[in-house]
């Protein structure tokens, strides 16, 4: 089953990769985004190179290079983020945290249609962390997959 999030806003970020890199680092995830990525023109699958991440966000302390994947696109109502079934804990956590960071940066609404819950601005992290904690507590979830390159899944 897919998991989707929305960030509802008409505003657009000026440097989304810089903002995401900084926001993830504040929470302990060291990540790199694809060179020349633009949220306006690079809609579809986003591959993120994750260099390290703490156990409370992904289930184990990661100290190796892994990949995170999620779909991201823009429409007239804002931004959509989605992962398919089979997602890893790293995929799920980065999806939630990137959506929350965008909501904070733009003072926008973070909306989870599965739970029919929303939060605005910096409060989006509360909802994102609740979702992450619930997801990583499930036994048997795959934690990560190896990063190969920006094009390979």
N, C-alpha and C. Protein backbone atom coordinates (compact mmCIF):
# COMPACT_ATOMS: atom_id res chain seq x y z
N UNK A 1 0.84 -1.18 0.00
CA UNK A 1 0.00 0.00 0.00
C UNK A 1 0.89 1.25 0.00
N UNK A 2 0.56 2.18 -0.82
CA UNK A 2 1.32 3.43 -0.89
C UNK A 2 1.06 4.28 0.35
N UNK A 3 2.03 5.11 0.67
CA UNK A 3 1.90 6.08 1.75
C UNK A 3 2.16 7.45 1.15
N UNK A 4 1.20 8.36 1.29
CA UNK A 4 1.31 9.68 0.69
C UNK A 4 1.24 10.78 1.74
N UNK A 5 1.90 11.86 1.44
CA UNK A 5 1.84 13.08 2.25
C UNK A 5 1.67 14.26 1.30
N UNK A 6 1.05 15.31 1.81
CA UNK A 6 0.90 16.54 1.03
C UNK A 6 1.43 17.71 1.83
N UNK A 7 2.00 18.67 1.14
CA UNK A 7 2.33 19.96 1.73
C UNK A 7 1.51 20.97 0.93
N UNK A 8 0.51 21.52 1.59
CA UNK A 8 -0.47 22.36 0.91
C UNK A 8 -0.05 23.82 0.97
N UNK A 9 0.30 24.37 -0.19
CA UNK A 9 0.74 25.75 -0.29
C UNK A 9 0.82 26.17 -1.75
N UNK A 10 0.71 27.44 -2.00
CA UNK A 10 0.93 28.00 -3.33
C UNK A 10 2.38 28.48 -3.46
N UNK A 11 3.10 28.59 -2.35
CA UNK A 11 4.48 29.08 -2.33
C UNK A 11 5.44 28.01 -2.81
N UNK A 12 6.62 28.45 -3.25
CA UNK A 12 7.66 27.54 -3.72
C UNK A 12 8.97 27.89 -3.02
N UNK A 13 9.77 26.88 -2.65
CA UNK A 13 11.04 27.15 -1.99
C UNK A 13 12.07 27.68 -2.99
N UNK A 14 13.05 28.43 -2.47
CA UNK A 14 14.10 28.95 -3.35
C UNK A 14 15.24 27.95 -3.52
N UNK A 15 15.61 27.25 -2.46
CA UNK A 15 16.70 26.27 -2.52
C UNK A 15 16.27 25.03 -1.74
N UNK A 16 15.45 24.20 -2.36
CA UNK A 16 14.86 23.07 -1.64
C UNK A 16 15.92 22.07 -1.19
N UNK A 17 16.93 21.79 -2.00
CA UNK A 17 17.94 20.81 -1.60
C UNK A 17 18.79 21.32 -0.43
N UNK A 18 19.15 22.58 -0.46
CA UNK A 18 19.89 23.17 0.66
C UNK A 18 19.06 23.14 1.94
N UNK A 19 17.79 23.49 1.82
CA UNK A 19 16.90 23.47 2.98
C UNK A 19 16.74 22.06 3.50
N UNK A 20 16.50 21.08 2.62
CA UNK A 20 16.35 19.68 3.05
C UNK A 20 17.63 19.15 3.68
N UNK A 21 18.79 19.45 3.08
CA UNK A 21 20.06 18.97 3.63
C UNK A 21 20.25 19.48 5.05
N UNK A 22 19.99 20.76 5.26
CA UNK A 22 20.12 21.37 6.59
C UNK A 22 19.10 20.80 7.57
N UNK A 23 17.85 20.67 7.14
CA UNK A 23 16.79 20.17 8.02
C UNK A 23 17.04 18.72 8.44
N UNK A 24 17.49 17.89 7.51
CA UNK A 24 17.80 16.50 7.85
C UNK A 24 19.00 16.44 8.80
N UNK A 25 20.01 17.27 8.56
CA UNK A 25 21.20 17.29 9.42
C UNK A 25 20.84 17.67 10.86
N UNK A 26 19.90 18.60 11.03
CA UNK A 26 19.46 18.99 12.38
C UNK A 26 18.87 17.81 13.14
N UNK A 27 18.37 16.82 12.41
CA UNK A 27 17.76 15.65 13.04
C UNK A 27 18.69 14.44 13.01
N UNK A 28 19.90 14.63 12.51
CA UNK A 28 20.90 13.57 12.57
C UNK A 28 21.10 12.77 11.30
N UNK A 29 20.41 13.14 10.22
CA UNK A 29 20.58 12.44 8.95
C UNK A 29 21.50 13.27 8.05
N UNK A 30 22.60 12.66 7.65
CA UNK A 30 23.51 13.31 6.71
C UNK A 30 23.17 12.78 5.32
N UNK A 31 22.78 13.69 4.44
CA UNK A 31 22.27 13.27 3.13
C UNK A 31 22.76 14.21 2.03
N UNK A 32 22.78 13.67 0.82
CA UNK A 32 23.08 14.45 -0.38
C UNK A 32 21.95 14.26 -1.38
N UNK A 33 21.65 15.32 -2.10
CA UNK A 33 20.61 15.28 -3.11
C UNK A 33 21.24 15.29 -4.50
N UNK A 34 20.52 14.82 -5.50
CA UNK A 34 21.10 14.74 -6.85
C UNK A 34 21.61 16.09 -7.34
N UNK A 35 22.75 16.07 -8.03
CA UNK A 35 23.25 17.31 -8.61
C UNK A 35 22.20 17.90 -9.56
N UNK A 36 22.06 19.19 -9.53
CA UNK A 36 21.14 19.90 -10.43
C UNK A 36 19.67 19.57 -10.21
N UNK A 37 19.31 19.00 -9.05
CA UNK A 37 17.91 18.71 -8.77
C UNK A 37 17.14 20.01 -8.59
N UNK A 38 16.00 20.10 -9.24
CA UNK A 38 15.08 21.23 -9.10
C UNK A 38 13.70 20.65 -8.86
N UNK A 39 13.07 21.04 -7.78
CA UNK A 39 11.74 20.51 -7.49
C UNK A 39 10.73 20.91 -8.55
N UNK A 40 10.97 22.01 -9.22
CA UNK A 40 10.05 22.47 -10.26
C UNK A 40 10.15 21.63 -11.53
N UNK A 41 11.36 21.14 -11.85
CA UNK A 41 11.53 20.43 -13.11
C UNK A 41 11.87 18.95 -12.97
N UNK A 42 12.16 18.50 -11.77
CA UNK A 42 12.57 17.10 -11.56
C UNK A 42 11.49 16.31 -10.83
N UNK A 43 10.28 16.39 -11.31
CA UNK A 43 9.20 15.69 -10.64
C UNK A 43 9.26 14.20 -10.96
N UNK A 44 8.92 13.39 -10.00
CA UNK A 44 8.99 11.95 -10.15
C UNK A 44 9.81 11.36 -9.03
N UNK A 45 10.58 10.34 -9.35
CA UNK A 45 11.37 9.64 -8.34
C UNK A 45 12.54 10.49 -7.89
N UNK A 46 12.67 10.69 -6.60
CA UNK A 46 13.80 11.39 -6.01
C UNK A 46 14.68 10.37 -5.30
N UNK A 47 15.94 10.28 -5.70
CA UNK A 47 16.92 9.41 -5.06
C UNK A 47 17.78 10.29 -4.16
N UNK A 48 17.90 9.90 -2.89
CA UNK A 48 18.70 10.64 -1.92
C UNK A 48 19.82 9.72 -1.44
N UNK A 49 21.04 10.25 -1.42
CA UNK A 49 22.19 9.51 -0.90
C UNK A 49 22.28 9.81 0.60
N UNK A 50 22.06 8.79 1.43
CA UNK A 50 22.09 8.96 2.88
C UNK A 50 23.41 8.40 3.40
N UNK A 51 24.21 9.28 4.02
CA UNK A 51 25.53 8.89 4.51
C UNK A 51 25.49 8.35 5.93
N UNK A 52 24.56 8.84 6.74
CA UNK A 52 24.38 8.32 8.09
C UNK A 52 23.03 8.77 8.61
N UNK A 53 22.51 7.98 9.57
CA UNK A 53 21.21 8.29 10.17
C UNK A 53 21.12 7.59 11.52
N UNK A 54 20.45 8.21 12.50
CA UNK A 54 20.34 7.61 13.83
C UNK A 54 19.22 6.57 13.93
N UNK A 55 19.38 5.67 14.89
CA UNK A 55 18.43 4.57 15.08
C UNK A 55 17.01 5.05 15.35
N UNK A 56 16.85 6.16 16.06
CA UNK A 56 15.48 6.60 16.39
C UNK A 56 14.71 7.07 15.15
N UNK A 57 15.41 7.25 14.03
CA UNK A 57 14.73 7.64 12.79
C UNK A 57 14.62 6.52 11.76
N UNK A 58 15.51 5.54 11.84
CA UNK A 58 15.51 4.50 10.81
C UNK A 58 15.57 3.07 11.36
N UNK A 59 15.61 2.90 12.66
CA UNK A 59 15.59 1.56 13.23
C UNK A 59 16.94 1.04 13.69
N UNK A 60 18.02 1.44 13.03
CA UNK A 60 19.38 1.11 13.45
C UNK A 60 20.26 2.32 13.18
N UNK A 61 21.41 2.41 13.86
CA UNK A 61 22.36 3.47 13.55
C UNK A 61 23.04 3.13 12.23
N UNK A 62 22.83 3.96 11.23
CA UNK A 62 23.44 3.74 9.92
C UNK A 62 24.75 4.49 9.83
N UNK A 63 25.78 3.78 9.45
CA UNK A 63 27.08 4.42 9.26
C UNK A 63 27.66 4.02 7.90
N UNK A 64 26.79 3.65 6.98
CA UNK A 64 27.20 3.29 5.63
C UNK A 64 26.34 4.08 4.65
N UNK A 65 26.81 4.17 3.42
CA UNK A 65 26.06 4.92 2.41
C UNK A 65 24.90 4.07 1.90
N UNK A 66 23.70 4.63 2.02
CA UNK A 66 22.49 3.93 1.58
C UNK A 66 21.65 4.88 0.72
N UNK A 67 20.61 4.35 0.13
CA UNK A 67 19.73 5.14 -0.73
C UNK A 67 18.36 5.29 -0.09
N UNK A 68 17.77 6.44 -0.28
CA UNK A 68 16.37 6.67 0.07
C UNK A 68 15.66 7.08 -1.21
N UNK A 69 14.44 6.61 -1.37
CA UNK A 69 13.65 6.90 -2.57
C UNK A 69 12.24 7.30 -2.18
N UNK A 70 11.71 8.30 -2.84
CA UNK A 70 10.28 8.56 -2.79
C UNK A 70 9.90 9.38 -4.01
N UNK A 71 8.62 9.37 -4.33
CA UNK A 71 8.10 10.17 -5.44
C UNK A 71 7.77 11.56 -4.90
N UNK A 72 8.04 12.58 -5.69
CA UNK A 72 7.66 13.95 -5.32
C UNK A 72 7.17 14.66 -6.58
N UNK A 73 6.08 15.39 -6.44
CA UNK A 73 5.57 16.17 -7.56
C UNK A 73 4.81 17.38 -7.03
N UNK A 74 4.60 18.32 -7.94
CA UNK A 74 3.94 19.58 -7.61
C UNK A 74 2.66 19.68 -8.43
N UNK A 75 1.62 20.18 -7.79
CA UNK A 75 0.41 20.55 -8.53
C UNK A 75 -0.05 21.91 -8.02
N UNK A 76 -1.20 22.34 -8.47
CA UNK A 76 -1.67 23.69 -8.11
C UNK A 76 -1.95 23.85 -6.61
N UNK A 77 -2.11 22.73 -5.90
CA UNK A 77 -2.41 22.80 -4.46
C UNK A 77 -1.18 22.66 -3.58
N UNK A 78 -0.03 22.33 -4.18
CA UNK A 78 1.17 22.19 -3.38
C UNK A 78 2.04 21.03 -3.84
N UNK A 79 2.56 20.30 -2.87
CA UNK A 79 3.54 19.24 -3.12
C UNK A 79 2.99 17.91 -2.64
N UNK A 80 3.31 16.86 -3.36
CA UNK A 80 2.90 15.50 -2.96
C UNK A 80 4.15 14.64 -2.85
N UNK A 81 4.17 13.80 -1.83
CA UNK A 81 5.26 12.87 -1.56
C UNK A 81 4.65 11.49 -1.42
N UNK A 82 5.25 10.47 -2.03
CA UNK A 82 4.67 9.13 -1.96
C UNK A 82 5.74 8.05 -1.98
N UNK A 83 5.51 7.00 -1.20
CA UNK A 83 6.33 5.79 -1.27
C UNK A 83 5.39 4.62 -1.49
N UNK A 84 5.88 3.62 -2.21
CA UNK A 84 5.08 2.41 -2.48
C UNK A 84 5.28 1.40 -1.36
N UNK A 85 4.45 0.37 -1.36
CA UNK A 85 4.67 -0.72 -0.41
C UNK A 85 6.05 -1.30 -0.70
N UNK A 86 6.68 -1.83 0.30
CA UNK A 86 8.05 -2.30 0.15
C UNK A 86 9.06 -1.23 0.48
N UNK A 87 8.59 -0.06 0.92
CA UNK A 87 9.49 1.03 1.28
C UNK A 87 10.36 0.61 2.46
N UNK A 88 11.54 1.18 2.55
CA UNK A 88 12.42 0.92 3.69
C UNK A 88 12.15 1.96 4.78
N UNK A 89 12.72 1.72 5.95
CA UNK A 89 12.57 2.71 7.02
C UNK A 89 13.29 4.00 6.65
N UNK A 90 14.38 3.91 5.91
CA UNK A 90 15.09 5.11 5.46
C UNK A 90 14.23 5.89 4.47
N UNK A 91 13.58 5.20 3.53
CA UNK A 91 12.66 5.86 2.59
C UNK A 91 11.57 6.61 3.36
N UNK A 92 10.93 5.90 4.28
CA UNK A 92 9.79 6.45 5.00
C UNK A 92 10.20 7.67 5.83
N UNK A 93 11.30 7.54 6.57
CA UNK A 93 11.74 8.66 7.42
C UNK A 93 12.12 9.88 6.61
N UNK A 94 12.86 9.68 5.50
CA UNK A 94 13.23 10.85 4.70
C UNK A 94 12.01 11.47 4.04
N UNK A 95 11.06 10.66 3.61
CA UNK A 95 9.82 11.19 3.03
C UNK A 95 9.12 12.09 4.05
N UNK A 96 8.91 11.58 5.25
CA UNK A 96 8.20 12.35 6.29
C UNK A 96 8.97 13.61 6.68
N UNK A 97 10.29 13.48 6.88
CA UNK A 97 11.08 14.63 7.31
C UNK A 97 11.24 15.68 6.21
N UNK A 98 11.36 15.27 4.96
CA UNK A 98 11.44 16.25 3.88
C UNK A 98 10.12 17.00 3.72
N UNK A 99 9.00 16.30 3.85
CA UNK A 99 7.70 16.97 3.78
C UNK A 99 7.54 17.94 4.95
N UNK A 100 7.93 17.51 6.16
CA UNK A 100 7.82 18.38 7.34
C UNK A 100 8.72 19.61 7.20
N UNK A 101 9.93 19.41 6.68
CA UNK A 101 10.85 20.53 6.49
C UNK A 101 10.29 21.54 5.50
N UNK A 102 9.69 21.05 4.43
CA UNK A 102 9.07 21.94 3.44
C UNK A 102 7.92 22.71 4.07
N UNK A 103 7.10 22.03 4.87
CA UNK A 103 5.99 22.71 5.55
C UNK A 103 6.51 23.80 6.48
N UNK A 104 7.59 23.50 7.21
CA UNK A 104 8.16 24.51 8.10
C UNK A 104 8.73 25.67 7.30
N UNK A 105 9.51 25.38 6.28
CA UNK A 105 10.16 26.42 5.49
C UNK A 105 9.15 27.37 4.85
N UNK A 106 8.03 26.83 4.39
CA UNK A 106 7.02 27.65 3.70
C UNK A 106 5.84 28.04 4.59
N UNK A 107 5.91 27.67 5.89
CA UNK A 107 4.79 27.86 6.81
C UNK A 107 3.50 27.32 6.19
N UNK A 108 3.61 26.10 5.69
CA UNK A 108 2.52 25.45 4.96
C UNK A 108 1.90 24.34 5.79
N UNK A 109 0.86 23.74 5.27
CA UNK A 109 0.15 22.65 5.94
C UNK A 109 0.71 21.31 5.47
N UNK A 110 1.13 20.49 6.44
CA UNK A 110 1.56 19.10 6.23
C UNK A 110 0.32 18.26 6.47
N UNK A 111 -0.08 17.49 5.45
CA UNK A 111 -1.32 16.71 5.57
C UNK A 111 -1.05 15.24 5.29
N UNK A 112 -1.53 14.39 6.20
CA UNK A 112 -1.45 12.94 6.03
C UNK A 112 -2.85 12.45 5.70
N UNK A 113 -3.13 12.10 4.44
CA UNK A 113 -4.48 11.66 4.07
C UNK A 113 -4.85 10.29 4.65
N UNK A 114 -3.86 9.47 5.01
CA UNK A 114 -4.16 8.17 5.61
C UNK A 114 -4.80 8.34 6.99
N UNK A 115 -4.28 9.28 7.77
CA UNK A 115 -4.79 9.54 9.12
C UNK A 115 -5.79 10.68 9.16
N UNK A 116 -5.90 11.42 8.05
CA UNK A 116 -6.71 12.62 7.99
C UNK A 116 -6.29 13.61 9.09
N UNK A 117 -4.97 13.78 9.22
CA UNK A 117 -4.41 14.71 10.20
C UNK A 117 -3.51 15.70 9.49
N UNK A 118 -3.43 16.90 10.06
CA UNK A 118 -2.57 17.91 9.49
C UNK A 118 -1.91 18.72 10.59
N UNK A 119 -0.84 19.41 10.20
CA UNK A 119 -0.13 20.31 11.10
C UNK A 119 0.48 21.41 10.24
N UNK A 120 0.62 22.59 10.81
CA UNK A 120 1.13 23.71 10.03
C UNK A 120 2.51 24.14 10.51
N UNK A 121 3.34 24.51 9.54
CA UNK A 121 4.66 25.05 9.84
C UNK A 121 5.52 24.08 10.63
N UNK A 122 6.21 24.62 11.64
CA UNK A 122 7.13 23.81 12.45
C UNK A 122 6.43 22.68 13.19
N UNK A 123 5.14 22.79 13.42
CA UNK A 123 4.40 21.73 14.10
C UNK A 123 4.31 20.46 13.25
N UNK A 124 4.65 20.55 11.98
CA UNK A 124 4.64 19.38 11.10
C UNK A 124 5.59 18.30 11.60
N UNK A 125 6.69 18.70 12.26
CA UNK A 125 7.64 17.71 12.76
C UNK A 125 7.02 16.80 13.81
N UNK A 126 6.12 17.31 14.61
CA UNK A 126 5.45 16.49 15.62
C UNK A 126 4.71 15.35 14.94
N UNK A 127 3.95 15.66 13.92
CA UNK A 127 3.19 14.63 13.20
C UNK A 127 4.13 13.69 12.44
N UNK A 128 5.15 14.23 11.80
CA UNK A 128 6.11 13.39 11.08
C UNK A 128 6.81 12.41 12.02
N UNK A 129 7.24 12.89 13.19
CA UNK A 129 7.92 12.01 14.14
C UNK A 129 6.99 10.94 14.68
N UNK A 130 5.75 11.27 14.89
CA UNK A 130 4.77 10.28 15.34
C UNK A 130 4.63 9.17 14.31
N UNK A 131 4.58 9.55 13.04
CA UNK A 131 4.46 8.56 11.97
C UNK A 131 5.73 7.70 11.87
N UNK A 132 6.88 8.33 11.98
CA UNK A 132 8.16 7.61 11.91
C UNK A 132 8.27 6.61 13.06
N UNK A 133 7.97 7.06 14.26
CA UNK A 133 8.06 6.17 15.43
C UNK A 133 7.15 4.97 15.28
N UNK A 134 5.98 5.18 14.75
CA UNK A 134 5.04 4.07 14.53
C UNK A 134 5.57 3.11 13.47
N UNK A 135 6.12 3.63 12.39
CA UNK A 135 6.59 2.80 11.29
C UNK A 135 7.81 1.97 11.68
N UNK A 136 8.80 2.59 12.33
CA UNK A 136 10.04 1.84 12.63
C UNK A 136 9.85 0.85 13.76
N UNK A 137 8.74 0.92 14.49
CA UNK A 137 8.49 -0.03 15.57
C UNK A 137 8.00 -1.37 15.05
N UNK A 138 7.64 -1.44 13.78
CA UNK A 138 7.14 -2.69 13.19
C UNK A 138 8.31 -3.65 12.97
N UNK A 139 8.23 -4.86 13.56
CA UNK A 139 9.32 -5.82 13.35
C UNK A 139 9.37 -6.28 11.89
N UNK A 140 10.56 -6.51 11.43
CA UNK A 140 10.72 -7.05 10.08
C UNK A 140 10.75 -6.04 8.97
N UNK A 141 10.64 -4.75 9.27
CA UNK A 141 10.72 -3.74 8.21
C UNK A 141 12.15 -3.68 7.66
N UNK A 142 12.29 -3.61 6.37
CA UNK A 142 13.60 -3.46 5.75
C UNK A 142 14.12 -2.07 6.08
N UNK A 143 15.36 -1.99 6.52
CA UNK A 143 15.91 -0.70 6.94
C UNK A 143 16.40 0.12 5.76
N UNK A 144 17.17 -0.48 4.87
CA UNK A 144 17.77 0.32 3.79
C UNK A 144 18.16 -0.56 2.62
N UNK A 145 18.56 0.12 1.55
CA UNK A 145 19.18 -0.54 0.40
C UNK A 145 20.41 0.27 0.04
N UNK A 146 21.37 -0.38 -0.57
CA UNK A 146 22.65 0.24 -0.91
C UNK A 146 22.47 1.33 -1.96
N UNK A 147 23.18 2.44 -1.78
CA UNK A 147 23.20 3.49 -2.80
C UNK A 147 24.15 3.05 -3.90
N UNK A 148 23.67 3.08 -5.14
CA UNK A 148 24.50 2.72 -6.29
C UNK A 148 24.90 3.98 -7.05
N UNK A 149 23.90 4.73 -7.53
CA UNK A 149 24.14 6.01 -8.17
C UNK A 149 22.81 6.75 -8.24
N UNK A 150 22.81 7.94 -8.81
CA UNK A 150 21.62 8.78 -8.82
C UNK A 150 20.52 8.23 -9.71
N UNK A 151 20.85 7.33 -10.63
CA UNK A 151 19.87 6.83 -11.59
C UNK A 151 19.38 5.41 -11.30
N UNK A 152 20.10 4.67 -10.46
CA UNK A 152 19.80 3.26 -10.25
C UNK A 152 18.97 3.04 -9.00
N UNK A 153 17.91 2.26 -9.15
CA UNK A 153 17.07 1.91 -8.01
C UNK A 153 17.44 0.52 -7.57
